[in-house]
């Protein structure tokens, strides 16, 4: 008897902050692996930065770069700043997607130099795409629009590294699965890809465009500390002075902590959420749809062979290019339960297969070994009173984070980067009259309400879920589904998740509508 497929019209955002493994098959990994190789071949090399000094690991490589710059003069001249009088310099702390996108935009529109400082080692020197701390990203229309703002070529590089999909299934048993999301006619699906694969693509295009110009410098393995000397009024840090300093260094932002220590008017609330998550990377099990997100319910019980996996409540499986996947595994405690800590790889493999029979024995022992050896990540919430102080700005999770609850972290961070770039580009065009403090204030006044609204939307959805209960939520989703089929282009019938993931409506306007709903 073939599996029973039910299409349940419940809106769900596939743009999630969970990890997807990069492709390694010969037919599909060429784009992502070539990106990694390209940004490792020329100017992006491992180095250590101490008080503004960078010691490169490969000086012979630097000589080749200098020699090659003359042979690429035509390319260099095409990427030189539009305004030759501009001497504007930026320090971006954090080589994540938003920080890299900001560097692209600034260099393309008149900024003389950008230094990117990252606390972690150079990813070109090690494969980090299968790290247990690598989240996958679902780039929806917000993230796509932000990336495209720096050039279609950049977007194509990113797009070729990921998997386009809006399909989402809840897999209850081997023979019963519910489709709760499918592609909307006329809309481009979300792009699913590993966070580091996205970074590799942005780094590769950054190198292609500016690697021979001397305008971009990357500094790896160089964390800021509490002893770092920051002057928010002058843009000086550890003896180096920049026109602006940008903290794009995540929810545990070191830049944010330095701002807090230097600005009495800056307030920030942080909260570590309950539970922890860990990811498992491997090939997609043959029994599952290799192009869809699959949520597996634990229908195999918790006793007998399933004992080792009894504390695992579900498997959230994200597809990746080339038939790969990662599974998000979570538990309620801050640390792994004893059943996980004490399990051997073989016991955990048998336990997961027994607890989740939908896998049909599709997990791999080596993947389980890596999973058990991995580290956990605890999501957190961040809310800041403002996103700029003097010549220092914050963006993405450094300024606002909902802990992945709504799946908008990467997309809203990329929107931050685009908005900050717009403000800084407008200012650099003023030449000697540029006021970067004012530009950062304008950026904050635009984006802080958006971050606050996104945080409030989490509370609105939770309150709605409690008020309506399970049946009420489904009834509302079914009603909106049929109305959207009758009038597919009428935003009035869009769900909250649809408006967030398939429109560029402001989060403020979405919040206002949800409050009235």
Protein backbone atom coordinates (compact mmCIF):
# COMPACT_ATOMS: atom_id res chain seq x y z
CA UNK A 1 0.00 0.00 0.00
CA UNK A 2 1.52 3.37 -1.00
CA UNK A 3 2.03 6.04 1.67
CA UNK A 4 -0.98 8.25 2.36
CA UNK A 5 -0.22 11.88 1.54
CA UNK A 6 -2.45 14.59 2.97
CA UNK A 7 -2.04 18.21 1.97
CA UNK A 8 -2.72 20.26 5.05
CA UNK A 9 -2.89 23.98 4.23
CA UNK A 10 -1.08 25.28 7.30
CA UNK A 11 1.25 28.19 6.66
CA UNK A 12 4.83 27.50 7.68
CA UNK A 13 7.96 29.44 6.95
CA UNK A 14 10.72 27.27 5.50
CA UNK A 15 13.20 30.04 6.13
CA UNK A 16 14.56 28.47 9.29
CA UNK A 17 17.69 28.99 11.27
CA UNK A 18 18.68 25.38 11.31
CA UNK A 19 21.74 23.83 9.70
CA UNK A 20 22.02 22.29 6.25
CA UNK A 21 25.08 20.41 5.14
CA UNK A 22 26.97 21.53 2.07
CA UNK A 23 26.95 19.33 -1.00
CA UNK A 24 29.92 17.10 -1.61
CA UNK A 25 28.78 15.10 -4.62
CA UNK A 26 30.67 15.67 -7.83
CA UNK A 27 27.62 16.87 -9.68
CA UNK A 28 26.43 19.40 -7.13
CA UNK A 29 29.28 20.50 -4.96
CA UNK A 30 31.20 22.32 -7.66
CA UNK A 31 29.67 25.69 -6.95
CA UNK A 32 29.99 25.63 -3.18
CA UNK A 33 33.36 23.89 -3.06
CA UNK A 34 34.76 26.10 -5.81
CA UNK A 35 33.68 29.14 -3.83
CA UNK A 36 35.59 27.81 -0.82
CA UNK A 37 38.65 27.05 -2.92
CA UNK A 38 38.60 30.43 -4.66
CA UNK A 39 38.49 32.49 -1.50
CA UNK A 40 41.30 30.34 -0.13
CA UNK A 41 43.52 30.71 -3.17
CA UNK A 42 44.33 34.38 -3.17
CA UNK A 43 44.00 37.06 -0.54
CA UNK A 44 41.96 35.41 2.18
CA UNK A 45 44.50 33.53 4.25
CA UNK A 46 44.80 32.67 7.88
CA UNK A 47 46.28 35.40 9.99
CA UNK A 48 46.23 36.75 13.50
CA UNK A 49 45.48 40.32 14.40
CA UNK A 50 46.90 41.89 17.54
CA UNK A 51 46.29 45.64 18.10
CA UNK A 52 45.95 46.36 14.40
CA UNK A 53 48.86 44.19 13.20
CA UNK A 54 48.18 41.26 10.88
CA UNK A 55 50.72 38.46 10.51
CA UNK A 56 49.98 36.47 7.38
CA UNK A 57 50.73 32.79 7.26
CA UNK A 58 51.83 32.84 3.64
CA UNK A 59 54.06 35.76 2.63
CA UNK A 60 54.99 34.12 -0.66
CA UNK A 61 51.26 34.16 -1.45
CA UNK A 62 51.18 37.92 -0.77
CA UNK A 63 54.03 38.52 -3.20
CA UNK A 64 52.07 36.65 -5.87
CA UNK A 65 49.06 38.83 -5.09
CA UNK A 66 51.11 42.02 -5.55
CA UNK A 67 52.54 40.74 -8.82
CA UNK A 68 49.14 39.68 -10.10
CA UNK A 69 47.60 43.08 -9.36
CA UNK A 70 49.37 44.71 -12.31
CA UNK A 71 48.16 42.04 -14.70
CA UNK A 72 44.61 42.61 -13.48
CA UNK A 73 44.72 46.39 -13.67
CA UNK A 74 41.70 46.58 -15.91
CA UNK A 75 39.64 44.62 -13.42
CA UNK A 76 41.00 46.68 -10.54
CA UNK A 77 40.18 49.96 -12.19
CA UNK A 78 36.62 48.83 -12.81
CA UNK A 79 36.25 48.10 -9.11
CA UNK A 80 37.93 51.27 -7.83
CA UNK A 81 35.72 53.62 -5.80
CA UNK A 82 33.43 55.81 -7.90
CA UNK A 83 34.65 58.87 -6.01
CA UNK A 84 38.45 59.08 -6.09
CA UNK A 85 38.39 61.62 -3.27
CA UNK A 86 36.74 59.16 -0.85
CA UNK A 87 39.01 57.92 1.91
CA UNK A 88 36.25 56.39 4.01
CA UNK A 89 37.28 53.29 5.95
CA UNK A 90 35.12 50.79 7.83
CA UNK A 91 35.82 48.01 10.30
CA UNK A 92 33.28 45.19 10.20
CA UNK A 93 33.56 42.79 13.14
CA UNK A 94 32.11 39.45 12.09
CA UNK A 95 32.54 37.61 8.78
CA UNK A 96 29.02 36.26 8.68
CA UNK A 97 26.56 36.78 5.81
CA UNK A 98 25.45 40.28 6.90
CA UNK A 99 28.98 41.55 7.52
CA UNK A 100 30.17 40.24 4.16
CA UNK A 101 27.18 41.74 2.34
CA UNK A 102 27.88 45.11 3.95
CA UNK A 103 31.49 44.95 2.75
CA UNK A 104 30.28 44.24 -0.79
CA UNK A 105 27.94 47.21 -0.80
CA UNK A 106 30.39 49.70 0.68
CA UNK A 107 33.24 48.77 -1.64
CA UNK A 108 30.98 48.92 -4.68
CA UNK A 109 29.75 52.42 -3.87
CA UNK A 110 32.69 54.57 -2.97
CA UNK A 111 34.21 53.38 0.30
CA UNK A 112 37.97 53.28 0.08
CA UNK A 113 38.64 50.33 2.39
CA UNK A 114 36.90 47.72 4.51
CA UNK A 115 38.57 45.56 7.15
CA UNK A 116 36.67 42.46 8.26
CA UNK A 117 37.75 41.01 11.60
CA UNK A 118 36.56 37.55 12.61
CA UNK A 119 37.07 35.72 15.91
CA UNK A 120 37.07 32.28 14.30
CA UNK A 121 39.81 30.70 12.17
CA UNK A 122 39.89 31.06 8.41
CA UNK A 123 37.28 28.63 7.00
CA UNK A 124 39.46 28.19 3.88
CA UNK A 125 41.91 26.24 6.02
CA UNK A 126 39.34 23.75 7.34
CA UNK A 127 35.98 22.30 6.36
CA UNK A 128 33.50 23.90 8.73
CA UNK A 129 30.35 23.18 6.71
CA UNK A 130 29.68 20.00 8.71
CA UNK A 131 30.33 21.57 12.07
CA UNK A 132 27.71 20.81 14.70
CA UNK A 133 27.38 24.57 15.19
CA UNK A 134 26.61 25.34 11.54
CA UNK A 135 23.05 26.48 11.01
CA UNK A 136 21.30 26.34 7.68
CA UNK A 137 19.63 29.42 6.34
CA UNK A 138 16.46 29.82 4.33
CA UNK A 139 16.82 32.93 2.21
CA UNK A 140 13.39 34.31 1.37
CA UNK A 141 12.48 37.43 -0.60
CA UNK A 142 13.96 39.69 2.08
CA UNK A 143 17.37 38.07 2.00
CA UNK A 144 17.32 37.71 -1.78
CA UNK A 145 16.48 41.37 -2.27
CA UNK A 146 19.29 42.44 0.05
CA UNK A 147 21.87 40.25 -1.70
CA UNK A 148 20.72 41.29 -5.17
CA UNK A 149 21.27 44.93 -4.17
CA UNK A 150 25.00 44.35 -4.51
CA UNK A 151 24.75 42.79 -7.95
CA UNK A 152 23.05 39.96 -9.83
CA UNK A 153 26.39 38.17 -10.14
CA UNK A 154 26.66 37.91 -6.36
CA UNK A 155 23.15 36.52 -6.11
CA UNK A 156 23.85 33.93 -8.85
CA UNK A 157 26.93 32.72 -6.97
CA UNK A 158 24.84 32.31 -3.82
CA UNK A 159 21.90 30.75 -5.65
CA UNK A 160 24.09 28.14 -7.34
CA UNK A 161 25.32 26.99 -3.93
CA UNK A 162 21.89 26.25 -2.46
CA UNK A 163 18.65 24.37 -2.99
CA UNK A 164 15.40 26.11 -3.92
CA UNK A 165 12.48 24.63 -2.03
CA UNK A 166 9.31 25.63 -0.22
CA UNK A 167 8.07 22.10 0.45
CA UNK A 168 7.46 21.06 4.04
CA UNK A 169 6.16 17.73 5.30
CA UNK A 170 5.25 16.46 8.74
CA UNK A 171 6.03 12.75 8.58
CA UNK A 172 3.88 11.00 11.15
CA UNK A 173 4.39 7.37 10.12
CA UNK A 174 5.86 5.43 7.23
CA UNK A 175 2.51 5.70 5.45
CA UNK A 176 1.17 9.04 6.63
CA UNK A 177 2.67 12.44 5.99
CA UNK A 178 1.10 15.87 5.93
CA UNK A 179 2.21 18.53 3.46
CA UNK A 180 1.87 21.82 5.30
CA UNK A 181 3.64 24.03 2.83
CA UNK A 182 4.20 24.10 -0.91
CA UNK A 183 5.46 26.63 -3.42
CA UNK A 184 3.17 29.59 -4.03
CA UNK A 185 2.46 30.24 -7.73
CA UNK A 186 4.35 33.29 -8.94
CA UNK A 187 6.77 33.42 -6.00
CA UNK A 188 10.37 32.26 -5.89
CA UNK A 189 10.98 29.49 -3.34
CA UNK A 190 13.28 29.95 -0.38
CA UNK A 191 16.93 29.11 -0.93
CA UNK A 192 18.19 26.56 1.60
CA UNK A 193 21.92 26.39 2.23
CA UNK A 194 24.48 25.93 4.95
CA UNK A 195 25.53 29.19 6.61
CA UNK A 196 29.21 28.65 5.82
CA UNK A 197 28.40 27.79 2.20
CA UNK A 198 26.64 31.15 1.97
CA UNK A 199 29.66 32.86 3.50
CA UNK A 200 31.97 31.03 1.08
CA UNK A 201 29.98 32.33 -1.89
CA UNK A 202 30.03 35.91 -0.58
CA UNK A 203 33.76 35.66 0.16
CA UNK A 204 34.50 34.26 -3.29
CA UNK A 205 32.73 37.12 -5.05
CA UNK A 206 34.36 39.61 -2.68
CA UNK A 207 37.74 38.26 -3.74
CA UNK A 208 36.83 38.26 -7.43
CA UNK A 209 35.77 41.88 -7.33
CA UNK A 210 38.24 43.46 -4.90
CA UNK A 211 41.00 40.99 -4.12
CA UNK A 212 43.56 42.77 -6.28
CA UNK A 213 42.62 46.33 -5.35
CA UNK A 214 44.07 46.48 -1.84
CA UNK A 215 40.78 47.84 -0.53
CA UNK A 216 39.69 44.74 1.43
CA UNK A 217 41.51 43.12 4.35
CA UNK A 218 40.33 40.05 6.24
CA UNK A 219 41.71 39.24 9.67
CA UNK A 220 40.97 35.79 11.05
CA UNK A 221 41.28 34.26 14.52
CA UNK A 222 41.16 37.73 16.07
CA UNK A 223 38.50 38.00 18.78
CA UNK A 224 37.77 41.27 20.52
CA UNK A 225 38.02 41.13 24.30
CA UNK A 226 36.82 43.16 27.25
CA UNK A 227 40.28 44.78 27.26
CA UNK A 228 39.85 46.12 23.72
CA UNK A 229 39.97 49.91 23.83
CA UNK A 230 36.96 51.42 22.02
CA UNK A 231 36.19 55.12 21.59
CA UNK A 232 32.67 55.36 20.18
CA UNK A 233 32.98 59.08 19.44
CA UNK A 234 36.06 58.78 17.18
CA UNK A 235 35.71 55.24 15.82
CA UNK A 236 39.00 54.20 17.37
CA UNK A 237 39.65 50.66 18.59
CA UNK A 238 42.94 49.18 19.76
CA UNK A 239 44.92 52.02 18.24
CA UNK A 240 43.24 51.95 14.81
CA UNK A 241 40.73 54.59 13.71
CA UNK A 242 37.88 54.06 11.26
CA UNK A 243 35.05 56.21 9.99
CA UNK A 244 32.63 53.55 11.25
CA UNK A 245 32.84 50.33 13.25
CA UNK A 246 30.12 47.73 12.71
CA UNK A 247 29.30 44.90 15.09
CA UNK A 248 28.03 42.02 12.96
CA UNK A 249 29.33 39.43 15.42
CA UNK A 250 26.21 37.62 16.49
CA UNK A 251 24.06 37.24 19.58
CA UNK A 252 27.12 37.13 21.86
CA UNK A 253 28.50 40.29 20.28
CA UNK A 254 31.76 41.58 21.72
CA UNK A 255 31.15 44.93 20.02
CA UNK A 256 27.81 45.26 21.80
CA UNK A 257 29.45 44.62 25.17
CA UNK A 258 32.04 47.31 24.45
CA UNK A 259 29.29 49.77 23.50
CA UNK A 260 27.45 48.99 26.73
CA UNK A 261 30.60 49.78 28.67
CA UNK A 262 31.04 53.12 26.90
CA UNK A 263 27.48 54.46 26.46
CA UNK A 264 25.25 54.94 29.49
CA UNK A 265 22.23 55.58 27.23
CA UNK A 266 22.50 52.19 25.54
CA UNK A 267 20.29 49.45 26.96
CA UNK A 268 20.23 45.81 25.95
CA UNK A 269 18.27 42.80 27.20
CA UNK A 270 19.55 39.29 26.58
CA UNK A 271 17.96 35.99 27.54
CA UNK A 272 19.19 32.45 27.05
CA UNK A 273 16.24 30.33 25.96
CA UNK A 274 15.51 26.92 27.51
CA UNK A 275 16.91 23.83 25.87
CA UNK A 276 19.75 23.21 23.44
CA UNK A 277 20.17 22.00 19.89
CA UNK A 278 22.69 19.91 18.00
CA UNK A 279 22.81 18.99 14.32
CA UNK A 280 23.48 15.78 12.44
CA UNK A 281 24.91 15.93 8.90
CA UNK A 282 24.65 13.11 6.37
CA UNK A 283 22.94 12.01 3.13
CA UNK A 284 19.18 12.39 3.03
CA UNK A 285 17.57 9.04 4.00
CA UNK A 286 16.04 7.44 0.88
CA UNK A 287 12.62 7.16 2.54
CA UNK A 288 12.28 10.95 2.80
CA UNK A 289 11.66 13.61 0.17
CA UNK A 290 15.17 14.84 -0.67
CA UNK A 291 13.92 18.28 -1.79
CA UNK A 292 11.69 19.07 1.19
CA UNK A 293 11.96 19.92 4.85
CA UNK A 294 10.79 16.89 6.84
CA UNK A 295 9.61 17.05 10.44
CA UNK A 296 9.58 13.54 11.91
CA UNK A 297 7.40 12.75 14.92
CA UNK A 298 8.59 10.14 17.44
CA UNK A 299 5.99 7.48 16.70
CA UNK A 300 8.15 4.51 17.65
CA UNK A 301 7.88 4.91 21.40
CA UNK A 302 10.65 5.34 23.96
CA UNK A 303 11.31 1.86 25.32
CA UNK A 304 13.22 -1.16 24.17
CA UNK A 305 15.49 -0.39 21.22
CA UNK A 306 14.38 3.28 21.37
CA UNK A 307 15.73 3.74 24.92
CA UNK A 308 18.89 5.63 23.85
CA UNK A 309 16.80 8.19 21.93
CA UNK A 310 13.91 8.47 24.39
CA UNK A 311 14.61 12.14 25.23
CA UNK A 312 14.68 13.30 21.60
CA UNK A 313 11.33 14.83 20.81
CA UNK A 314 11.55 15.13 17.03
CA UNK A 315 13.86 15.38 14.05
CA UNK A 316 13.75 18.54 11.95
CA UNK A 317 15.46 17.54 8.71
CA UNK A 318 16.63 20.18 6.23
CA UNK A 319 17.60 19.24 2.67
CA UNK A 320 20.76 20.51 1.01
CA UNK A 321 22.07 20.46 -2.52
CA UNK A 322 23.29 17.12 -3.79
CA UNK A 323 21.04 14.87 -1.74
CA UNK A 324 22.53 15.96 1.59
CA UNK A 325 20.71 16.97 4.74
CA UNK A 326 21.13 18.01 8.32
CA UNK A 327 18.82 17.12 11.14
CA UNK A 328 18.19 19.44 14.02
CA UNK A 329 18.02 17.50 17.28
CA UNK A 330 16.89 19.26 20.44
CA UNK A 331 16.11 18.58 24.05
CA UNK A 332 14.52 20.59 26.83
CA UNK A 333 17.53 20.66 29.15
CA UNK A 334 20.45 23.06 28.84
CA UNK A 335 22.77 20.07 28.54
CA UNK A 336 22.28 16.74 26.75
CA UNK A 337 20.28 14.21 28.78
CA UNK A 338 22.02 11.19 30.24
CA UNK A 339 20.44 8.96 27.60
CA UNK A 340 22.42 10.85 24.96
CA UNK A 341 25.64 11.28 26.92
CA UNK A 342 25.84 7.62 27.85
CA UNK A 343 24.85 6.14 24.49
CA UNK A 344 27.36 4.47 22.19
CA UNK A 345 27.13 5.36 18.48
CA UNK A 346 25.62 1.95 17.76
CA UNK A 347 23.04 2.29 20.54
CA UNK A 348 22.05 5.78 19.39
CA UNK A 349 21.76 4.61 15.78
CA UNK A 350 19.43 1.76 16.78
CA UNK A 351 17.59 4.06 19.19
CA UNK A 352 16.84 6.70 16.54
CA UNK A 353 15.75 4.07 14.02
CA UNK A 354 13.39 2.55 16.59
CA UNK A 355 11.99 5.90 17.80
CA UNK A 356 11.61 7.24 14.25
CA UNK A 357 10.61 4.29 12.05
CA UNK A 358 9.86 6.77 9.26
CA UNK A 359 13.64 6.86 8.63
CA UNK A 360 13.49 3.23 7.52
CA UNK A 361 17.00 2.66 8.87
CA UNK A 362 18.35 5.55 6.79
CA UNK A 363 20.83 7.02 9.28
CA UNK A 364 24.57 6.44 8.98
CA UNK A 365 26.83 5.26 11.81
CA UNK A 366 29.65 7.72 11.04
CA UNK A 367 27.16 10.58 11.07
CA UNK A 368 25.93 9.44 14.48
CA UNK A 369 29.52 9.35 15.77
CA UNK A 370 30.06 12.95 14.65
CA UNK A 371 26.73 13.95 16.18
CA UNK A 372 27.62 12.49 19.59
CA UNK A 373 31.03 14.19 19.47
CA UNK A 374 29.46 17.54 18.56
CA UNK A 375 28.67 20.54 20.69
CA UNK A 376 25.33 22.04 21.61
CA UNK A 377 24.06 25.51 20.82
CA UNK A 378 21.68 27.39 23.10
CA UNK A 379 19.47 29.96 21.33
CA UNK A 380 19.11 33.39 22.87
CA UNK A 381 16.97 36.52 22.60
CA UNK A 382 18.57 39.96 22.19
CA UNK A 383 16.78 43.33 22.29
CA UNK A 384 18.71 46.62 22.10
CA UNK A 385 17.32 50.10 22.69
CA UNK A 386 19.21 51.46 19.68
CA UNK A 387 21.45 50.08 16.97
CA UNK A 388 24.06 52.85 16.85
CA UNK A 389 26.22 54.76 19.29
CA UNK A 390 28.57 57.42 18.00
CA UNK A 391 30.50 55.87 15.13
CA UNK A 392 29.58 52.29 16.08
CA UNK A 393 26.61 50.36 14.65
CA UNK A 394 25.13 46.95 15.39
CA UNK A 395 23.26 44.73 12.97
CA UNK A 396 21.70 41.27 12.84
CA UNK A 397 21.78 39.12 15.96
CA UNK A 398 24.19 41.56 17.60
CA UNK A 399 21.29 44.04 17.71
CA UNK A 400 18.21 41.81 17.76
CA UNK A 401 17.60 38.08 17.95
CA UNK A 402 14.50 35.97 18.48
CA UNK A 403 16.45 32.74 18.91
CA UNK A 404 15.30 31.37 15.56
CA UNK A 405 11.65 31.26 16.62
CA UNK A 406 10.30 32.87 13.44
CA UNK A 407 13.05 31.84 11.04
CA UNK A 408 13.82 35.44 10.08
CA UNK A 409 17.26 35.91 11.63
CA UNK A 410 19.42 35.73 8.51
CA UNK A 411 16.94 37.58 6.33
CA UNK A 412 16.44 40.46 8.75
CA UNK A 413 20.22 40.68 9.30
CA UNK A 414 20.77 40.99 5.55
CA UNK A 415 18.08 43.69 5.47
CA UNK A 416 19.99 45.48 8.24
CA UNK A 417 23.18 45.31 6.17
CA UNK A 418 21.46 46.74 3.10
CA UNK A 419 19.85 49.57 5.11
CA UNK A 420 23.15 50.43 6.82
CA UNK A 421 24.94 50.40 3.48
CA UNK A 422 22.35 52.78 2.01
CA UNK A 423 22.86 55.24 4.86
CA UNK A 424 26.66 55.09 4.64
CA UNK A 425 26.74 55.31 0.85
CA UNK A 426 24.54 58.41 0.94
CA UNK A 427 26.92 59.95 3.45
CA UNK A 428 30.20 59.16 1.68
CA UNK A 429 28.91 61.01 -1.38
CA UNK A 430 29.01 64.22 0.67
CA UNK A 431 32.80 64.08 0.74
CA UNK A 432 34.34 66.32 3.39
CA UNK A 433 30.86 67.17 4.72
CA UNK A 434 30.07 63.55 5.58
CA UNK A 435 28.67 62.98 9.06
CA UNK A 436 28.86 59.26 9.77
CA UNK A 437 27.45 59.60 13.27
CA UNK A 438 24.30 61.06 11.74
CA UNK A 439 24.21 58.30 9.10
CA UNK A 440 24.33 55.62 11.78
CA UNK A 441 21.59 57.41 13.72
CA UNK A 442 19.38 57.36 10.60
CA UNK A 443 20.05 53.65 10.15
CA UNK A 444 19.12 52.95 13.78
CA UNK A 445 15.91 54.98 13.56
CA UNK A 446 14.79 52.87 10.58
CA UNK A 447 15.86 49.41 11.71
CA UNK A 448 15.31 49.44 15.49
CA UNK A 449 11.50 49.59 15.12
CA UNK A 450 11.74 46.63 12.73
CA UNK A 451 13.77 44.56 15.19
CA UNK A 452 11.39 45.41 18.03
CA UNK A 453 8.36 44.51 15.92
CA UNK A 454 9.92 41.17 14.97
CA UNK A 455 10.47 40.39 18.65
CA UNK A 456 6.86 41.33 19.45
CA UNK A 457 5.58 39.10 16.63
CA UNK A 458 6.95 36.13 18.55
CA UNK A 459 4.74 37.06 21.49
CA UNK A 460 1.74 37.71 19.23
CA UNK A 461 2.01 34.28 17.67
CA UNK A 462 2.40 32.56 21.03
CA UNK A 463 -0.62 34.41 22.45
CA UNK A 464 -2.64 33.52 19.34
CA UNK A 465 -1.67 29.86 19.63
CA UNK A 466 -2.70 29.73 23.28
CA UNK A 467 -5.97 31.57 22.65
CA UNK A 468 -7.09 29.48 19.68
CA UNK A 469 -5.69 26.10 20.68
CA UNK A 470 -4.70 23.44 18.17
CA UNK A 471 -8.07 23.16 16.41
CA UNK A 472 -8.39 26.93 16.18
CA UNK A 473 -4.96 27.31 14.61
CA UNK A 474 -5.74 24.70 11.98
CA UNK A 475 -9.17 26.23 11.27
CA UNK A 476 -7.62 29.65 10.77
CA UNK A 477 -4.95 28.24 8.48
CA UNK A 478 -7.51 26.27 6.44
CA UNK A 479 -9.67 29.38 6.04
CA UNK A 480 -6.76 31.49 4.89
CA UNK A 481 -5.65 28.72 2.54
CA UNK A 482 -8.95 28.65 0.63
CA UNK A 483 -9.24 32.43 0.60
CA UNK A 484 -5.71 32.70 -0.77
CA UNK A 485 -6.66 30.25 -3.56
CA UNK A 486 -9.68 32.38 -4.47
CA UNK A 487 -7.70 35.63 -4.34
CA UNK A 488 -4.02 34.52 -4.50
CA UNK A 489 -2.57 38.00 -4.90
CA UNK A 490 -4.58 39.71 -2.17
CA UNK A 491 -2.27 40.39 0.83
CA UNK A 492 -5.36 40.64 3.01
CA UNK A 493 -5.46 36.84 3.10
CA UNK A 494 -1.76 36.23 3.63
CA UNK A 495 -0.79 34.54 6.88
CA UNK A 496 1.78 36.18 9.15
CA UNK A 497 4.47 33.75 8.01
CA UNK A 498 3.60 34.31 4.36
CA UNK A 499 3.88 38.08 4.71
CA UNK A 500 7.22 37.70 6.47
CA UNK A 501 8.71 35.23 3.99
CA UNK A 502 7.09 36.15 0.66
CA UNK A 503 6.78 39.94 0.89
CA UNK A 504 9.03 42.79 1.92
CA UNK A 505 6.31 44.37 4.06
CA UNK A 506 7.77 45.98 7.15
CA UNK A 507 7.59 43.96 10.33
CA UNK A 508 5.92 47.00 11.90
CA UNK A 509 3.00 46.78 9.45
CA UNK A 510 2.76 42.99 9.88
CA UNK A 511 2.59 43.45 13.65
CA UNK A 512 -0.17 46.04 13.32
CA UNK A 513 -2.25 43.67 11.21
CA UNK A 514 -1.73 40.74 13.57
CA UNK A 515 -2.86 42.84 16.52
CA UNK A 516 -6.11 43.59 14.71
CA UNK A 517 -6.64 40.00 13.57
